[in-house]
């Protein structure tokens, strides 16, 4: 819940004007607040950078005051949607089961589902990380079918590592969780799905994180709030373009 409309447009304009918008080595995306999706998507049209929504309902329409449907996201120019972020789970009653309904709805309408999973500090301290992540992945994909390559991304965001005061996960720990997550996706749908790491990603740790074998990409928060920070991390982590 950041930026005014003018600030969101300036951010998109800055990204569209840089060479990173032309990169084929990484799939870039931004997920603005709902009121600005159409503006941002319009400004990024013609680039390879996708725009997405931060949440959506599982129904196409109906008496769901304050909610946003998959059709509304598509109408605004979104091509992906973030589902199950820990803040949605903690503050707005999102459950593993509603995440599954939203994943099914996203895929039905051709939206890429960016499914967020993560362990809390209590779960991490209790040694339950693997158990929690497996449950979240299995239920999230339970309504999705098996042909999910290119249609679902998993974002591992340890709850204890995101937001103000978050502690970045050790790259080796994050890599081990990503491998486990991929093993679960293989069990669920017969294929390894891409897994992104999110959680206090910064210019200090982005290179160490992306160098890990099982970390397929980064889901950046505060370090990408301004366009220059976003661009710099892409430049540091994306495969260099051929001369």
C-alpha atoms as a PDB file:
ATOM      1  CA  UNK A   1       0.000   0.000   0.000  1.00  0.00           C
ATOM      2  CA  UNK A   2       2.517   2.501  -1.273  1.00  0.00           C
ATOM      3  CA  UNK A   3       2.726   5.361  -3.790  1.00  0.00           C
ATOM      4  CA  UNK A   4       0.251   7.804  -5.225  1.00  0.00           C
ATOM      5  CA  UNK A   5      -1.010   7.421  -8.790  1.00  0.00           C
ATOM      6  CA  UNK A   6       1.544   9.962 -10.021  1.00  0.00           C
ATOM      7  CA  UNK A   7       4.352   8.138  -8.213  1.00  0.00           C
ATOM      8  CA  UNK A   8       3.281   4.787  -9.640  1.00  0.00           C
ATOM      9  CA  UNK A   9       3.234   6.216 -13.163  1.00  0.00           C
ATOM     10  CA  UNK A  10       6.670   7.799 -12.684  1.00  0.00           C
ATOM     11  CA  UNK A  11       8.029   4.438 -11.484  1.00  0.00           C
ATOM     12  CA  UNK A  12       6.650   2.628 -14.560  1.00  0.00           C
ATOM     13  CA  UNK A  13       7.918   5.330 -16.904  1.00  0.00           C
ATOM     14  CA  UNK A  14      11.394   5.027 -15.409  1.00  0.00           C
ATOM     15  CA  UNK A  15      11.431   1.250 -15.885  1.00  0.00           C
ATOM     16  CA  UNK A  16      10.114   1.465 -19.438  1.00  0.00           C
ATOM     17  CA  UNK A  17      12.875   3.931 -20.322  1.00  0.00           C
ATOM     18  CA  UNK A  18      15.736   1.659 -19.229  1.00  0.00           C
ATOM     19  CA  UNK A  19      17.430  -1.155 -21.121  1.00  0.00           C
ATOM     20  CA  UNK A  20      16.295  -3.685 -18.525  1.00  0.00           C
ATOM     21  CA  UNK A  21      12.859  -3.505 -20.137  1.00  0.00           C
ATOM     22  CA  UNK A  22      14.371  -5.257 -23.160  1.00  0.00           C
ATOM     23  CA  UNK A  23      16.122  -8.069 -21.266  1.00  0.00           C
ATOM     24  CA  UNK A  24      15.255 -11.592 -22.322  1.00  0.00           C
ATOM     25  CA  UNK A  25      17.392 -13.196 -19.609  1.00  0.00           C
ATOM     26  CA  UNK A  26      14.915 -12.521 -16.812  1.00  0.00           C
ATOM     27  CA  UNK A  27      11.153 -12.173 -16.617  1.00  0.00           C
ATOM     28  CA  UNK A  28      10.561  -8.874 -14.834  1.00  0.00           C
ATOM     29  CA  UNK A  29       7.299  -7.886 -13.181  1.00  0.00           C
ATOM     30  CA  UNK A  30       5.771  -5.258 -10.909  1.00  0.00           C
ATOM     31  CA  UNK A  31       2.712  -5.633  -8.704  1.00  0.00           C
ATOM     32  CA  UNK A  32       1.192  -2.216  -7.960  1.00  0.00           C
ATOM     33  CA  UNK A  33      -1.850  -1.468  -5.782  1.00  0.00           C
ATOM     34  CA  UNK A  34      -5.101  -2.164  -7.599  1.00  0.00           C
ATOM     35  CA  UNK A  35      -6.063   1.471  -8.439  1.00  0.00           C
ATOM     36  CA  UNK A  36      -2.838   1.892 -10.444  1.00  0.00           C
ATOM     37  CA  UNK A  37      -2.661  -1.401 -12.368  1.00  0.00           C
ATOM     38  CA  UNK A  38      -4.183   0.005 -15.559  1.00  0.00           C
ATOM     39  CA  UNK A  39      -1.863   3.027 -15.582  1.00  0.00           C
ATOM     40  CA  UNK A  40       1.230   0.920 -14.933  1.00  0.00           C
ATOM     41  CA  UNK A  41       0.245  -1.775 -17.450  1.00  0.00           C
ATOM     42  CA  UNK A  42      -0.357   0.865 -20.127  1.00  0.00           C
ATOM     43  CA  UNK A  43       3.046   2.446 -19.542  1.00  0.00           C
ATOM     44  CA  UNK A  44       4.797  -0.938 -19.681  1.00  0.00           C
ATOM     45  CA  UNK A  45       3.010  -2.059 -22.830  1.00  0.00           C
ATOM     46  CA  UNK A  46       5.605  -2.806 -25.490  1.00  0.00           C
ATOM     47  CA  UNK A  47       8.160  -3.932 -22.908  1.00  0.00           C
ATOM     48  CA  UNK A  48       8.666  -7.430 -21.513  1.00  0.00           C
ATOM     49  CA  UNK A  49       7.804  -6.295 -17.962  1.00  0.00           C
ATOM     50  CA  UNK A  50       4.562  -7.792 -16.668  1.00  0.00           C
ATOM     51  CA  UNK A  51       2.086  -6.071 -14.356  1.00  0.00           C
ATOM     52  CA  UNK A  52       0.077  -7.967 -11.761  1.00  0.00           C
ATOM     53  CA  UNK A  53      -2.413  -7.629  -8.936  1.00  0.00           C
ATOM     54  CA  UNK A  54      -1.642  -8.044  -5.240  1.00  0.00           C
ATOM     55  CA  UNK A  55      -4.755 -10.116  -4.576  1.00  0.00           C
ATOM     56  CA  UNK A  56      -8.048 -11.213  -6.118  1.00  0.00           C
ATOM     57  CA  UNK A  57     -11.253 -13.086  -5.335  1.00  0.00           C
ATOM     58  CA  UNK A  58     -11.943 -16.565  -6.697  1.00  0.00           C
ATOM     59  CA  UNK A  59     -15.356 -15.655  -8.168  1.00  0.00           C
ATOM     60  CA  UNK A  60     -15.828 -13.835 -11.481  1.00  0.00           C
ATOM     61  CA  UNK A  61     -18.498 -11.513 -10.063  1.00  0.00           C
ATOM     62  CA  UNK A  62     -21.044 -11.260  -7.287  1.00  0.00           C
ATOM     63  CA  UNK A  63     -21.876  -9.741  -3.923  1.00  0.00           C
ATOM     64  CA  UNK A  64     -18.307  -9.522  -2.648  1.00  0.00           C
ATOM     65  CA  UNK A  65     -18.071  -5.859  -1.664  1.00  0.00           C
ATOM     66  CA  UNK A  66     -14.532  -4.493  -1.831  1.00  0.00           C
ATOM     67  CA  UNK A  67     -13.132  -7.488  -3.708  1.00  0.00           C
ATOM     68  CA  UNK A  68     -11.516  -7.659  -7.161  1.00  0.00           C
ATOM     69  CA  UNK A  69     -12.241 -10.454  -9.642  1.00  0.00           C
ATOM     70  CA  UNK A  70      -9.912 -12.160 -12.133  1.00  0.00           C
ATOM     71  CA  UNK A  71     -11.864 -10.541 -14.971  1.00  0.00           C
ATOM     72  CA  UNK A  72     -11.296  -7.097 -13.455  1.00  0.00           C
ATOM     73  CA  UNK A  73      -7.556  -7.717 -13.242  1.00  0.00           C
ATOM     74  CA  UNK A  74      -7.450  -8.793 -16.871  1.00  0.00           C
ATOM     75  CA  UNK A  75      -9.496  -5.760 -17.877  1.00  0.00           C
ATOM     76  CA  UNK A  76      -6.898  -3.534 -16.201  1.00  0.00           C
ATOM     77  CA  UNK A  77      -4.054  -5.131 -18.155  1.00  0.00           C
ATOM     78  CA  UNK A  78      -2.718  -7.479 -15.479  1.00  0.00           C
ATOM     79  CA  UNK A  79      -1.189 -10.746 -16.644  1.00  0.00           C
ATOM     80  CA  UNK A  80      -0.387 -12.198 -13.216  1.00  0.00           C
ATOM     81  CA  UNK A  81      -1.662 -12.132  -9.660  1.00  0.00           C
ATOM     82  CA  UNK A  82      -0.031 -12.527  -6.261  1.00  0.00           C
ATOM     83  CA  UNK A  83      -1.894 -15.014  -4.087  1.00  0.00           C
ATOM     84  CA  UNK A  84      -1.520 -15.903  -0.414  1.00  0.00           C
ATOM     85  CA  UNK A  85       0.942 -13.267   0.767  1.00  0.00           C
ATOM     86  CA  UNK A  86       1.677 -13.655   4.477  1.00  0.00           C
ATOM     87  CA  UNK A  87       0.091 -10.272   5.248  1.00  0.00           C
ATOM     88  CA  UNK A  88      -3.119 -11.429   3.577  1.00  0.00           C
ATOM     89  CA  UNK A  89      -2.973 -14.616   5.631  1.00  0.00           C
ATOM     90  CA  UNK A  90      -2.199 -12.840   8.911  1.00  0.00           C
ATOM     91  CA  UNK A  91      -4.522  -9.831   8.671  1.00  0.00           C
ATOM     92  CA  UNK A  92      -7.315 -10.710   6.246  1.00  0.00           C
ATOM     93  CA  UNK A  93      -8.202 -14.318   6.927  1.00  0.00           C
ATOM     94  CA  UNK A  94      -6.524 -15.891   3.892  1.00  0.00           C
ATOM     95  CA  UNK A  95      -6.289 -19.652   4.349  1.00  0.00           C
ATOM     96  CA  UNK A  96      -4.593 -22.458   2.458  1.00  0.00           C
ATOM     97  CA  UNK A  97      -8.019 -23.389   1.119  1.00  0.00           C
ATOM     98  CA  UNK A  98      -8.865 -19.913  -0.218  1.00  0.00           C
ATOM     99  CA  UNK A  99      -5.410 -19.761  -1.770  1.00  0.00           C
ATOM    100  CA  UNK A 100      -6.271 -22.956  -3.682  1.00  0.00           C
ATOM    101  CA  UNK A 101      -9.543 -21.452  -4.927  1.00  0.00           C
ATOM    102  CA  UNK A 102      -7.733 -18.327  -6.108  1.00  0.00           C
ATOM    103  CA  UNK A 103      -5.028 -20.322  -7.882  1.00  0.00           C
ATOM    104  CA  UNK A 104      -7.721 -22.268  -9.742  1.00  0.00           C
ATOM    105  CA  UNK A 105      -9.502 -19.045 -10.710  1.00  0.00           C
ATOM    106  CA  UNK A 106      -6.286 -17.388 -11.897  1.00  0.00           C
ATOM    107  CA  UNK A 107      -5.401 -20.328 -14.131  1.00  0.00           C
ATOM    108  CA  UNK A 108      -8.946 -20.532 -15.479  1.00  0.00           C
ATOM    109  CA  UNK A 109      -8.571 -17.001 -16.821  1.00  0.00           C
ATOM    110  CA  UNK A 110      -4.974 -17.248 -18.005  1.00  0.00           C
ATOM    111  CA  UNK A 111      -3.400 -15.233 -15.217  1.00  0.00           C
ATOM    112  CA  UNK A 112      -0.009 -16.390 -13.948  1.00  0.00           C
ATOM    113  CA  UNK A 113      -0.444 -17.345 -10.295  1.00  0.00           C
ATOM    114  CA  UNK A 114       2.373 -16.120  -8.052  1.00  0.00           C
ATOM    115  CA  UNK A 115       1.758 -18.221  -4.938  1.00  0.00           C
ATOM    116  CA  UNK A 116       3.359 -16.942  -1.738  1.00  0.00           C
ATOM    117  CA  UNK A 117       4.291 -19.391   1.001  1.00  0.00           C
ATOM    118  CA  UNK A 118       6.330 -18.997   4.161  1.00  0.00           C
ATOM    119  CA  UNK A 119       6.982 -20.086   7.711  1.00  0.00           C
ATOM    120  CA  UNK A 120       6.473 -17.862  10.747  1.00  0.00           C
ATOM    121  CA  UNK A 121       9.197 -17.258  13.338  1.00  0.00           C
ATOM    122  CA  UNK A 122       7.424 -19.625  15.742  1.00  0.00           C
ATOM    123  CA  UNK A 123       7.285 -22.362  13.098  1.00  0.00           C
ATOM    124  CA  UNK A 124      10.915 -21.761  12.128  1.00  0.00           C
ATOM    125  CA  UNK A 125      12.093 -21.915  15.753  1.00  0.00           C
ATOM    126  CA  UNK A 126      10.140 -25.148  16.249  1.00  0.00           C
ATOM    127  CA  UNK A 127      11.847 -26.770  13.264  1.00  0.00           C
ATOM    128  CA  UNK A 128       8.566 -26.985  11.347  1.00  0.00           C
ATOM    129  CA  UNK A 129       9.615 -25.065   8.219  1.00  0.00           C
ATOM    130  CA  UNK A 130       9.601 -28.062   5.876  1.00  0.00           C
ATOM    131  CA  UNK A 131       6.246 -29.299   7.191  1.00  0.00           C
ATOM    132  CA  UNK A 132       4.596 -25.884   6.830  1.00  0.00           C
ATOM    133  CA  UNK A 133       5.905 -25.248   3.329  1.00  0.00           C
ATOM    134  CA  UNK A 134       4.842 -28.682   2.095  1.00  0.00           C
ATOM    135  CA  UNK A 135       1.316 -28.192   3.438  1.00  0.00           C
ATOM    136  CA  UNK A 136       0.996 -24.755   1.885  1.00  0.00           C
ATOM    137  CA  UNK A 137       2.258 -25.925  -1.516  1.00  0.00           C
ATOM    138  CA  UNK A 138       0.161 -29.083  -1.649  1.00  0.00           C
ATOM    139  CA  UNK A 139      -3.076 -27.296  -0.769  1.00  0.00           C
ATOM    140  CA  UNK A 140      -2.335 -24.315  -3.024  1.00  0.00           C
ATOM    141  CA  UNK A 141      -1.936 -26.632  -6.018  1.00  0.00           C
ATOM    142  CA  UNK A 142      -4.717 -29.034  -5.076  1.00  0.00           C
ATOM    143  CA  UNK A 143      -7.268 -27.421  -7.448  1.00  0.00           C
ATOM    144  CA  UNK A 144      -4.805 -26.542 -10.210  1.00  0.00           C
ATOM    145  CA  UNK A 145      -4.299 -29.724 -12.226  1.00  0.00           C
ATOM    146  CA  UNK A 146      -0.905 -30.854 -13.504  1.00  0.00           C
ATOM    147  CA  UNK A 147       0.063 -28.752 -16.524  1.00  0.00           C
ATOM    148  CA  UNK A 148       1.388 -25.778 -14.570  1.00  0.00           C
ATOM    149  CA  UNK A 149       4.725 -24.890 -16.179  1.00  0.00           C
ATOM    150  CA  UNK A 150       4.670 -21.229 -17.147  1.00  0.00           C
ATOM    151  CA  UNK A 151       1.386 -20.777 -15.293  1.00  0.00           C
ATOM    152  CA  UNK A 152       2.412 -20.947 -11.625  1.00  0.00           C
ATOM    153  CA  UNK A 153       5.338 -19.419  -9.763  1.00  0.00           C
ATOM    154  CA  UNK A 154       6.058 -20.130  -6.103  1.00  0.00           C
ATOM    155  CA  UNK A 155       7.508 -17.367  -3.929  1.00  0.00           C
ATOM    156  CA  UNK A 156       9.167 -18.504  -0.698  1.00  0.00           C
ATOM    157  CA  UNK A 157       8.929 -15.616   1.756  1.00  0.00           C
ATOM    158  CA  UNK A 158       9.869 -16.531   5.313  1.00  0.00           C
ATOM    159  CA  UNK A 159       7.485 -14.437   7.413  1.00  0.00           C
ATOM    160  CA  UNK A 160      10.337 -13.639   9.792  1.00  0.00           C
ATOM    161  CA  UNK A 161      12.393 -12.152   6.969  1.00  0.00           C
ATOM    162  CA  UNK A 162       9.951  -9.720   5.346  1.00  0.00           C
ATOM    163  CA  UNK A 163       8.992  -6.152   6.186  1.00  0.00           C
ATOM    164  CA  UNK A 164      10.624  -3.622   8.439  1.00  0.00           C
ATOM    165  CA  UNK A 165      13.028  -5.379  10.808  1.00  0.00           C
ATOM    166  CA  UNK A 166      13.005  -8.549   8.737  1.00  0.00           C
ATOM    167  CA  UNK A 167      16.036 -10.846   8.923  1.00  0.00           C
ATOM    168  CA  UNK A 168      17.292 -12.023   5.526  1.00  0.00           C
ATOM    169  CA  UNK A 169      17.420 -15.804   5.260  1.00  0.00           C
ATOM    170  CA  UNK A 170      20.863 -17.332   4.875  1.00  0.00           C
ATOM    171  CA  UNK A 171      21.291 -18.111   1.144  1.00  0.00           C
ATOM    172  CA  UNK A 172      22.144 -21.757   1.867  1.00  0.00           C
ATOM    173  CA  UNK A 173      19.071 -22.153   4.072  1.00  0.00           C
ATOM    174  CA  UNK A 174      16.891 -20.528   1.415  1.00  0.00           C
ATOM    175  CA  UNK A 175      18.373 -22.787  -1.258  1.00  0.00           C
ATOM    176  CA  UNK A 176      17.581 -25.898   0.797  1.00  0.00           C
ATOM    177  CA  UNK A 177      13.949 -24.791   1.210  1.00  0.00           C
ATOM    178  CA  UNK A 178      13.660 -24.112  -2.508  1.00  0.00           C
ATOM    179  CA  UNK A 179      14.843 -27.629  -3.273  1.00  0.00           C
ATOM    180  CA  UNK A 180      12.245 -29.059  -0.894  1.00  0.00           C
ATOM    181  CA  UNK A 181       9.530 -26.926  -2.467  1.00  0.00           C
ATOM    182  CA  UNK A 182      10.481 -28.129  -5.949  1.00  0.00           C
ATOM    183  CA  UNK A 183      10.367 -31.718  -4.744  1.00  0.00           C
ATOM    184  CA  UNK A 184       6.823 -31.107  -3.484  1.00  0.00           C
ATOM    185  CA  UNK A 185       5.712 -29.523  -6.765  1.00  0.00           C
ATOM    186  CA  UNK A 186       7.123 -32.505  -8.634  1.00  0.00           C
ATOM    187  CA  UNK A 187       5.087 -34.772  -6.389  1.00  0.00           C
ATOM    188  CA  UNK A 188       1.934 -32.672  -6.804  1.00  0.00           C
ATOM    189  CA  UNK A 189       1.948 -31.964 -10.513  1.00  0.00           C
ATOM    190  CA  UNK A 190       4.735 -34.015 -12.021  1.00  0.00           C
ATOM    191  CA  UNK A 191       7.105 -31.095 -12.672  1.00  0.00           C
ATOM    192  CA  UNK A 192       9.392 -28.732 -10.815  1.00  0.00           C
ATOM    193  CA  UNK A 193       7.897 -25.258 -10.739  1.00  0.00           C
ATOM    194  CA  UNK A 194      10.067 -22.126 -10.541  1.00  0.00           C
ATOM    195  CA  UNK A 195      10.605 -20.844  -7.006  1.00  0.00           C
ATOM    196  CA  UNK A 196      11.500 -17.232  -6.232  1.00  0.00           C
ATOM    197  CA  UNK A 197      12.991 -16.021  -2.966  1.00  0.00           C
ATOM    198  CA  UNK A 198      11.496 -13.010  -1.207  1.00  0.00           C
ATOM    199  CA  UNK A 199      12.428 -11.649   2.181  1.00  0.00           C
ATOM    200  CA  UNK A 200      14.678  -8.627   2.791  1.00  0.00           C
ATOM    201  CA  UNK A 201      16.279  -8.969  -0.639  1.00  0.00           C
ATOM    202  CA  UNK A 202      18.736  -6.117  -1.124  1.00  0.00           C
ATOM    203  CA  UNK A 203      21.741  -5.041  -3.134  1.00  0.00           C
ATOM    204  CA  UNK A 204      23.878  -6.557  -0.362  1.00  0.00           C
ATOM    205  CA  UNK A 205      22.528 -10.103  -0.645  1.00  0.00           C
ATOM    206  CA  UNK A 206      20.907 -10.396  -4.099  1.00  0.00           C
ATOM    207  CA  UNK A 207      23.991 -11.837  -5.814  1.00  0.00           C
ATOM    208  CA  UNK A 208      24.542 -14.474  -3.121  1.00  0.00           C
ATOM    209  CA  UNK A 209      20.890 -15.478  -3.283  1.00  0.00           C
ATOM    210  CA  UNK A 210      20.595 -15.724  -7.052  1.00  0.00           C
ATOM    211  CA  UNK A 211      23.826 -17.746  -7.220  1.00  0.00           C
ATOM    212  CA  UNK A 212      22.135 -20.626  -5.366  1.00  0.00           C
ATOM    213  CA  UNK A 213      21.252 -23.616  -7.535  1.00  0.00           C
ATOM    214  CA  UNK A 214      17.578 -23.848  -6.632  1.00  0.00           C
ATOM    215  CA  UNK A 215      16.726 -20.127  -6.391  1.00  0.00           C
ATOM    216  CA  UNK A 216      15.180 -19.247  -9.745  1.00  0.00           C
ATOM    217  CA  UNK A 217      14.495 -15.573  -9.143  1.00  0.00           C
ATOM    218  CA  UNK A 218      13.908 -12.844  -6.601  1.00  0.00           C
ATOM    219  CA  UNK A 219      10.718 -11.276  -5.284  1.00  0.00           C
ATOM    220  CA  UNK A 220      11.859  -7.853  -4.107  1.00  0.00           C
ATOM    221  CA  UNK A 221      10.083  -5.536  -1.707  1.00  0.00           C
ATOM    222  CA  UNK A 222      11.547  -2.463  -0.039  1.00  0.00           C
ATOM    223  CA  UNK A 223      14.780  -2.506  -2.042  1.00  0.00           C
ATOM    224  CA  UNK A 224      12.735  -1.996  -5.219  1.00  0.00           C
ATOM    225  CA  UNK A 225      10.383   0.709  -3.964  1.00  0.00           C
ATOM    226  CA  UNK A 226      12.212   3.188  -6.155  1.00  0.00           C
ATOM    227  CA  UNK A 227      12.994   2.519  -9.803  1.00  0.00           C
ATOM    228  CA  UNK A 228      16.741   2.970  -9.361  1.00  0.00           C
ATOM    229  CA  UNK A 229      16.845   0.254  -6.701  1.00  0.00           C
ATOM    230  CA  UNK A 230      14.826  -2.104  -8.886  1.00  0.00           C
ATOM    231  CA  UNK A 231      17.061  -1.486 -11.898  1.00  0.00           C
ATOM    232  CA  UNK A 232      20.249  -1.920  -9.913  1.00  0.00           C
ATOM    233  CA  UNK A 233      19.251  -5.330  -8.545  1.00  0.00           C
ATOM    234  CA  UNK A 234      18.281  -6.508 -12.032  1.00  0.00           C
ATOM    235  CA  UNK A 235      21.642  -5.344 -13.342  1.00  0.00           C
ATOM    236  CA  UNK A 236      23.446  -7.189 -10.532  1.00  0.00           C
ATOM    237  CA  UNK A 237      21.605 -10.488 -10.907  1.00  0.00           C
ATOM    238  CA  UNK A 238      20.388 -10.959 -14.485  1.00  0.00           C
ATOM    239  CA  UNK A 239      22.611 -12.786 -16.947  1.00  0.00           C
ATOM    240  CA  UNK A 240      24.609 -10.175 -18.891  1.00  0.00           C
ATOM    241  CA  UNK A 241      23.416  -9.504 -22.404  1.00  0.00           C
ATOM    242  CA  UNK A 242      25.548 -10.726 -25.295  1.00  0.00           C
ATOM    243  CA  UNK A 243      27.661  -7.951 -26.864  1.00  0.00           C
END
